[in-house]
């Protein structure tokens, strides 16, 4: 089984501070010696039948509609869902147009991942005035139309974020409670922001983010004890599942070994972030087979790490580009080491809760693996 991101368009209806804003600040940040294909079209240029025939070669394929903002191409998404013989369909969206998806298509989706960053104030700061309320309204509309699957809050996290308050808000907001929360650090993506952000980033990590991770872990285990419930925080449940089962892992997002991105031109990159990085292309939908795609594993600094088997490695993009240099790379990975150590210390408590029948080992299993959550923040 292979999971495929289908990038419907690279256009977006929002201009978020950490995406559009950083592109504008770092427009000259493409001198890494890595081949970049600048001719990848903004929207799909291949025939639906080509993608259909490619996906049909994997009877268990999962398709994740992605962008940009994929719902800008809602017509194409509906056409693909009516044509492509995928076993499962997922959607990754900013939520601003979720109300426009007809009920019959919503009900065929397994998971909807919505980009939201915490409270109204924080989300609107990052994403634009009124975005938070629009997301909440549209998520409720999706439920009202009969979507019964998992709705994941997908957070982008940086210095303005209080990780504890933001995560718990998304689980406990009475206007809409998300089933799961996943977060990703906004770090290592651009070279130009390292010196500008470094001092503030490290101060935030040491005085806000890491203490917030500890507080989240404490609350997570406390809820298991008092409510018999495992809050579905993706970094926590996936890492703890591996610790409990003694499993080793490759890159946890699945990129370039069990998950690939179909670019708008039909070429296959390891993930949407690496679209256009032609040195890392894994094949294409015209001549390739899902079971014969190029496999790429992490390299460089990750191979020297003693927790690689648990972490799985920093993302391929970060490995390939090293935008923050070796020192910056290790500074970011220090947050992962802290997270892993916190969970290792919680493991005996959780094992006892499982033994006592208060929670189950299966409570830590992911509903569908490699569902667009990177897992390692």
Protein backbone atom coordinates (compact mmCIF):
# COMPACT_ATOMS: atom_id res chain seq x y z
CA UNK A 1 0.00 0.00 0.00
CA UNK A 2 1.27 3.46 -0.95
CA UNK A 3 -0.18 6.82 0.03
CA UNK A 4 -0.22 9.53 -2.62
CA UNK A 5 -0.55 13.24 -2.12
CA UNK A 6 -2.33 14.61 -5.17
CA UNK A 7 -1.38 18.27 -5.48
CA UNK A 8 -4.42 19.73 -7.21
CA UNK A 9 -3.00 23.26 -7.33
CA UNK A 10 -0.16 25.25 -5.83
CA UNK A 11 -2.38 28.32 -5.53
CA UNK A 12 -3.89 29.35 -2.19
CA UNK A 13 -6.58 31.79 -1.06
CA UNK A 14 -4.68 32.81 2.10
CA UNK A 15 -1.42 34.69 2.63
CA UNK A 16 -0.21 33.26 5.94
CA UNK A 17 2.74 34.84 7.75
CA UNK A 18 4.83 31.64 7.80
CA UNK A 19 4.14 30.61 4.21
CA UNK A 20 3.44 33.48 1.83
CA UNK A 21 5.20 35.93 4.14
CA UNK A 22 8.41 33.92 4.33
CA UNK A 23 8.46 33.29 0.58
CA UNK A 24 8.44 37.07 0.11
CA UNK A 25 11.21 37.51 2.70
CA UNK A 26 13.36 34.70 1.29
CA UNK A 27 12.87 34.97 -2.46
CA UNK A 28 16.64 34.71 -3.01
CA UNK A 29 17.01 31.55 -0.91
CA UNK A 30 17.50 29.03 -3.76
CA UNK A 31 21.25 28.61 -4.10
CA UNK A 32 21.79 25.20 -2.56
CA UNK A 33 23.30 23.46 -5.58
CA UNK A 34 20.12 21.36 -5.79
CA UNK A 35 18.44 21.14 -9.17
CA UNK A 36 15.05 22.90 -9.14
CA UNK A 37 12.44 22.53 -11.85
CA UNK A 38 10.83 25.96 -12.15
CA UNK A 39 8.39 24.80 -14.83
CA UNK A 40 6.04 22.81 -12.61
CA UNK A 41 2.60 24.21 -13.53
CA UNK A 42 0.35 25.84 -10.94
CA UNK A 43 -2.53 23.44 -11.62
CA UNK A 44 -2.81 19.91 -12.99
CA UNK A 45 -1.80 19.45 -16.62
CA UNK A 46 -2.19 15.66 -16.98
CA UNK A 47 -5.29 13.69 -17.98
CA UNK A 48 -7.42 12.10 -15.29
CA UNK A 49 -7.17 8.75 -17.09
CA UNK A 50 -3.37 8.72 -16.63
CA UNK A 51 -3.67 9.11 -12.86
CA UNK A 52 -6.51 6.57 -12.80
CA UNK A 53 -4.40 3.94 -14.56
CA UNK A 54 -1.41 4.62 -12.30
CA UNK A 55 -3.38 4.40 -9.04
CA UNK A 56 -5.17 1.27 -10.26
CA UNK A 57 -1.87 -0.60 -10.08
CA UNK A 58 -2.07 -0.41 -6.27
CA UNK A 59 -5.31 -1.99 -4.99
CA UNK A 60 -4.79 -0.47 -1.52
CA UNK A 61 -3.75 3.05 -2.53
CA UNK A 62 -4.66 6.04 -0.36
CA UNK A 63 -5.09 9.46 -1.98
CA UNK A 64 -4.59 12.71 -0.04
CA UNK A 65 -5.87 15.83 -1.81
CA UNK A 66 -3.38 18.63 -1.22
CA UNK A 67 -2.28 22.07 -2.34
CA UNK A 68 -1.81 25.04 -2.15
CA UNK A 69 -5.45 24.93 -1.25
CA UNK A 70 -6.97 21.89 -2.97
CA UNK A 71 -10.56 23.13 -2.69
CA UNK A 72 -9.72 25.86 -5.18
CA UNK A 73 -9.94 22.89 -7.57
CA UNK A 74 -13.04 21.30 -6.04
CA UNK A 75 -14.31 20.24 -9.47
CA UNK A 76 -11.10 18.33 -10.14
CA UNK A 77 -11.24 16.72 -6.69
CA UNK A 78 -14.78 15.49 -7.34
CA UNK A 79 -13.77 14.20 -10.79
CA UNK A 80 -10.86 12.27 -9.26
CA UNK A 81 -13.04 10.80 -6.50
CA UNK A 82 -15.49 9.61 -9.16
CA UNK A 83 -12.75 8.15 -11.34
CA UNK A 84 -9.72 7.03 -9.35
CA UNK A 85 -9.93 3.52 -7.83
CA UNK A 86 -8.27 4.48 -4.52
CA UNK A 87 -9.14 2.53 -1.40
CA UNK A 88 -9.23 5.66 0.77
CA UNK A 89 -9.53 9.42 0.21
CA UNK A 90 -8.25 12.12 2.57
CA UNK A 91 -8.28 15.91 2.36
CA UNK A 92 -5.75 18.42 3.66
CA UNK A 93 -7.30 21.92 3.60
CA UNK A 94 -7.16 25.34 5.22
CA UNK A 95 -10.89 24.96 5.82
CA UNK A 96 -12.02 28.24 4.30
CA UNK A 97 -14.03 26.54 1.53
CA UNK A 98 -14.94 23.29 3.26
CA UNK A 99 -18.62 24.29 3.28
CA UNK A 100 -18.63 24.10 -0.53
CA UNK A 101 -17.91 20.34 -0.63
CA UNK A 102 -21.16 18.42 -1.34
CA UNK A 103 -22.30 16.01 1.37
CA UNK A 104 -21.87 12.93 -0.85
CA UNK A 105 -18.16 13.70 -1.28
CA UNK A 106 -17.58 14.65 2.35
CA UNK A 107 -19.05 11.34 3.42
CA UNK A 108 -16.63 9.45 1.17
CA UNK A 109 -13.58 11.06 2.82
CA UNK A 110 -11.82 9.11 5.56
CA UNK A 111 -9.99 12.04 7.19
CA UNK A 112 -9.99 15.83 6.90
CA UNK A 113 -6.90 17.64 8.12
CA UNK A 114 -7.56 21.35 8.71
CA UNK A 115 -4.81 23.93 9.13
CA UNK A 116 -5.52 25.89 12.32
CA UNK A 117 -3.01 27.18 14.85
CA UNK A 118 -4.82 27.30 18.19
CA UNK A 119 -6.98 30.10 19.53
CA UNK A 120 -8.87 32.68 17.48
CA UNK A 121 -6.30 35.35 18.27
CA UNK A 122 -3.31 33.20 17.30
CA UNK A 123 -4.86 31.67 14.19
CA UNK A 124 -5.99 35.05 12.88
CA UNK A 125 -2.54 36.51 13.64
CA UNK A 126 -0.87 33.85 11.50
CA UNK A 127 -3.56 33.35 8.86
CA UNK A 128 -5.66 36.52 8.58
CA UNK A 129 -8.61 38.19 10.29
CA UNK A 130 -11.72 36.04 10.51
CA UNK A 131 -10.04 32.80 9.44
CA UNK A 132 -10.54 31.06 12.79
CA UNK A 133 -14.29 31.66 12.89
CA UNK A 134 -14.62 30.58 9.25
CA UNK A 135 -12.76 27.32 9.95
CA UNK A 136 -14.89 26.52 13.00
CA UNK A 137 -18.10 27.29 11.11
CA UNK A 138 -17.11 25.13 8.16
CA UNK A 139 -15.93 22.23 10.32
CA UNK A 140 -19.36 22.20 11.98
CA UNK A 141 -21.01 22.33 8.55
CA UNK A 142 -18.97 19.28 7.47
CA UNK A 143 -20.20 17.37 10.51
CA UNK A 144 -23.75 18.52 9.78
CA UNK A 145 -23.48 17.14 6.25
CA UNK A 146 -22.66 13.72 7.61
CA UNK A 147 -18.87 13.60 7.66
CA UNK A 148 -18.16 11.05 10.38
CA UNK A 149 -14.43 10.55 9.99
CA UNK A 150 -11.44 12.00 11.80
CA UNK A 151 -10.93 15.78 11.73
CA UNK A 152 -7.31 16.66 12.52
CA UNK A 153 -6.19 20.11 13.61
CA UNK A 154 -2.88 20.67 11.84
CA UNK A 155 -0.92 23.44 13.59
CA UNK A 156 2.08 25.40 12.39
CA UNK A 157 4.07 26.36 15.48
CA UNK A 158 6.63 29.08 16.05
CA UNK A 159 7.67 31.72 18.57
CA UNK A 160 4.24 33.27 19.10
CA UNK A 161 2.75 29.87 20.01
CA UNK A 162 2.10 28.63 23.53
CA UNK A 163 2.07 24.94 22.64
CA UNK A 164 0.16 23.80 25.73
CA UNK A 165 -2.58 26.41 25.54
CA UNK A 166 -2.94 26.04 21.77
CA UNK A 167 -3.19 22.24 21.71
CA UNK A 168 -5.60 22.04 24.63
CA UNK A 169 -7.78 24.78 23.13
CA UNK A 170 -8.28 22.69 20.00
CA UNK A 171 -9.31 19.67 22.06
CA UNK A 172 -11.60 21.59 24.43
CA UNK A 173 -13.07 24.50 22.46
CA UNK A 174 -16.87 24.26 22.94
CA UNK A 175 -17.49 25.71 19.47
CA UNK A 176 -15.71 22.76 17.82
CA UNK A 177 -13.56 20.04 19.38
CA UNK A 178 -11.07 18.41 17.03
CA UNK A 179 -10.61 14.63 17.14
CA UNK A 180 -6.83 14.87 16.87
CA UNK A 181 -4.12 17.51 16.96
CA UNK A 182 -0.85 17.54 15.06
CA UNK A 183 1.79 20.26 15.00
CA UNK A 184 4.85 21.10 12.97
CA UNK A 185 7.64 23.50 13.92
CA UNK A 186 8.20 26.28 11.42
CA UNK A 187 11.96 25.79 11.28
CA UNK A 188 14.67 24.70 8.79
CA UNK A 189 12.62 25.76 5.75
CA UNK A 190 14.48 28.99 4.88
CA UNK A 191 18.11 30.06 5.25
CA UNK A 192 17.51 33.78 5.50
CA UNK A 193 15.46 33.52 8.69
CA UNK A 194 18.03 31.63 10.81
CA UNK A 195 20.14 34.53 12.03
CA UNK A 196 17.08 36.74 12.36
CA UNK A 197 15.16 34.19 14.44
CA UNK A 198 17.87 32.14 16.12
CA UNK A 199 18.12 33.90 19.48
CA UNK A 200 14.38 34.29 19.84
CA UNK A 201 13.78 30.72 18.67
CA UNK A 202 16.13 29.20 21.24
CA UNK A 203 14.70 31.36 24.02
CA UNK A 204 11.18 30.23 23.05
CA UNK A 205 12.25 26.56 22.90
CA UNK A 206 13.86 26.64 26.34
CA UNK A 207 11.31 28.79 28.15
CA UNK A 208 8.03 28.05 26.39
CA UNK A 209 7.98 25.14 23.93
CA UNK A 210 9.86 22.44 25.87
CA UNK A 211 8.13 23.27 29.18
CA UNK A 212 4.83 23.20 27.24
CA UNK A 213 5.65 19.72 25.88
CA UNK A 214 6.30 18.54 29.43
CA UNK A 215 3.00 20.03 30.61
CA UNK A 216 1.13 18.45 27.70
CA UNK A 217 2.64 15.04 28.50
CA UNK A 218 1.66 15.41 32.15
CA UNK A 219 -1.91 16.30 31.17
CA UNK A 220 -1.99 13.50 28.59
CA UNK A 221 -1.17 10.83 31.16
CA UNK A 222 -3.39 12.45 33.80
CA UNK A 223 -6.39 12.19 31.44
CA UNK A 224 -5.61 8.52 30.89
CA UNK A 225 -5.73 7.95 34.65
CA UNK A 226 -8.84 9.99 35.42
CA UNK A 227 -10.90 9.45 32.23
CA UNK A 228 -9.48 6.30 30.65
CA UNK A 229 -8.95 8.35 27.52
CA UNK A 230 -5.89 8.80 25.30
CA UNK A 231 -6.00 12.28 23.77
CA UNK A 232 -4.95 11.89 20.15
CA UNK A 233 -1.91 14.16 19.95
CA UNK A 234 -0.14 12.75 16.91
CA UNK A 235 3.46 13.23 18.03
CA UNK A 236 2.66 11.59 21.38
CA UNK A 237 0.54 8.62 20.31
CA UNK A 238 2.79 7.57 17.44
CA UNK A 239 6.03 7.80 19.36
CA UNK A 240 4.55 6.08 22.41
CA UNK A 241 3.10 3.32 20.23
CA UNK A 242 6.61 2.55 18.97
CA UNK A 243 8.10 2.72 22.46
CA UNK A 244 5.47 0.34 23.84
CA UNK A 245 5.82 -2.13 20.99
CA UNK A 246 9.60 -1.88 20.65
CA UNK A 247 9.28 -0.89 17.00
CA UNK A 248 11.93 0.80 14.88
CA UNK A 249 10.90 3.15 12.09
CA UNK A 250 11.99 4.86 8.91
CA UNK A 251 11.00 8.48 8.30
CA UNK A 252 7.69 8.76 10.16
CA UNK A 253 5.86 10.84 7.58
CA UNK A 254 6.47 8.04 5.06
CA UNK A 255 8.02 10.34 2.45
CA UNK A 256 9.85 8.53 -0.36
CA UNK A 257 9.34 5.05 0.98
CA UNK A 258 5.58 4.59 1.49
CA UNK A 259 4.22 8.03 0.59
CA UNK A 260 4.80 10.20 -2.47
CA UNK A 261 3.51 13.43 -3.98
CA UNK A 262 2.02 13.54 -7.47
CA UNK A 263 2.99 16.95 -8.76
CA UNK A 264 0.74 18.95 -11.06
CA UNK A 265 2.85 17.72 -14.00
CA UNK A 266 2.52 14.04 -13.05
CA UNK A 267 6.05 13.65 -11.74
CA UNK A 268 6.53 12.11 -8.30
CA UNK A 269 8.41 13.91 -5.54
CA UNK A 270 8.95 12.59 -2.00
CA UNK A 271 6.41 15.05 -0.57
CA UNK A 272 4.66 18.32 -1.48
CA UNK A 273 7.40 20.42 0.14
CA UNK A 274 9.94 18.89 -2.27
CA UNK A 275 7.88 19.57 -5.37
CA UNK A 276 10.18 20.67 -8.18
CA UNK A 277 13.37 19.30 -6.56
CA UNK A 278 14.21 17.17 -9.57
CA UNK A 279 17.25 15.47 -8.03
CA UNK A 280 14.79 13.74 -5.71
CA UNK A 281 12.12 12.72 -8.20
CA UNK A 282 10.95 9.15 -7.63
CA UNK A 283 9.30 8.51 -11.00
CA UNK A 284 6.13 9.64 -12.73
CA UNK A 285 2.55 8.51 -13.30
CA UNK A 286 3.08 7.99 -17.04
CA UNK A 287 5.56 5.11 -16.90
CA UNK A 288 5.92 4.23 -13.24
CA UNK A 289 4.37 1.65 -10.96
CA UNK A 290 3.49 2.29 -7.31
CA UNK A 291 5.53 -0.73 -6.24
CA UNK A 292 8.64 0.30 -8.18
CA UNK A 293 9.19 3.90 -7.12
CA UNK A 294 12.57 5.20 -6.02
CA UNK A 295 13.09 4.86 -2.26
CA UNK A 296 15.06 7.58 -0.47
CA UNK A 297 15.97 7.51 3.23
CA UNK A 298 17.36 10.24 5.46
CA UNK A 299 21.10 10.79 5.47
CA UNK A 300 23.65 13.20 6.84
CA UNK A 301 23.30 14.32 10.44
CA UNK A 302 20.39 11.97 11.15
CA UNK A 303 22.54 8.88 10.61
CA UNK A 304 24.77 9.93 13.53
CA UNK A 305 21.86 10.16 15.96
CA UNK A 306 21.28 7.65 18.78
CA UNK A 307 17.48 8.08 18.68
CA UNK A 308 17.13 7.63 14.91
CA UNK A 309 15.21 4.34 15.29
CA UNK A 310 12.59 6.11 17.44
CA UNK A 311 12.51 9.49 15.70
CA UNK A 312 12.82 8.15 12.16
CA UNK A 313 14.76 11.22 11.08
CA UNK A 314 14.18 14.87 10.33
CA UNK A 315 12.32 15.49 7.06
CA UNK A 316 14.02 14.81 3.73
CA UNK A 317 13.73 18.46 2.74
CA UNK A 318 15.60 19.55 5.87
CA UNK A 319 18.19 16.81 5.30
CA UNK A 320 18.71 17.80 1.69
CA UNK A 321 18.87 21.57 2.08
CA UNK A 322 20.30 22.13 5.62
CA UNK A 323 18.91 25.68 5.51
CA UNK A 324 19.93 26.44 9.10
CA UNK A 325 23.32 24.70 8.85
CA UNK A 326 24.55 21.87 11.07
CA UNK A 327 24.27 23.90 14.27
CA UNK A 328 20.74 25.07 13.53
CA UNK A 329 19.74 21.56 12.51
CA UNK A 330 20.89 20.22 15.89
CA UNK A 331 19.16 23.06 17.73
CA UNK A 332 15.84 22.09 16.17
CA UNK A 333 16.43 18.38 16.70
CA UNK A 334 17.06 19.12 20.36
CA UNK A 335 13.31 19.69 20.64
CA UNK A 336 12.70 16.18 19.32
CA UNK A 337 15.20 14.68 21.74
CA UNK A 338 13.42 16.48 24.59
CA UNK A 339 10.05 15.14 23.40
CA UNK A 340 11.34 11.56 23.11
CA UNK A 341 12.93 11.70 26.57
CA UNK A 342 9.70 13.01 28.11
CA UNK A 343 7.74 10.14 26.58
CA UNK A 344 10.30 7.54 27.61
CA UNK A 345 9.87 8.68 31.23
CA UNK A 346 6.08 8.36 30.88
CA UNK A 347 6.26 4.86 29.43
CA UNK A 348 6.24 2.92 32.77
CA UNK A 349 3.12 4.79 33.94
CA UNK A 350 1.37 4.03 30.66
CA UNK A 351 2.39 0.36 30.72
CA UNK A 352 0.82 0.06 34.17
CA UNK A 353 -2.40 1.73 32.97
CA UNK A 354 -2.56 -0.80 30.12
CA UNK A 355 -1.87 -3.70 32.49
CA UNK A 356 -4.62 -2.46 34.84
CA UNK A 357 -7.11 -2.28 31.93
CA UNK A 358 -7.66 1.48 32.23
CA UNK A 359 -6.48 2.05 28.65
CA UNK A 360 -5.55 -0.30 25.78
CA UNK A 361 -2.40 -0.65 23.72
CA UNK A 362 -4.54 -0.18 20.60
CA UNK A 363 -5.46 3.31 21.85
CA UNK A 364 -2.04 4.39 20.58
CA UNK A 365 -2.50 3.02 17.07
CA UNK A 366 -2.98 5.46 14.21
CA UNK A 367 -6.30 5.15 12.38
CA UNK A 368 -4.58 5.20 9.01
CA UNK A 369 -0.81 5.37 8.74
CA UNK A 370 0.99 8.11 6.83
CA UNK A 371 -2.08 10.37 6.68
CA UNK A 372 -0.18 13.64 5.95
CA UNK A 373 0.92 14.11 9.58
CA UNK A 374 4.70 14.44 9.71
CA UNK A 375 4.63 13.10 13.34
CA UNK A 376 8.05 14.54 14.24
CA UNK A 377 7.27 18.24 14.96
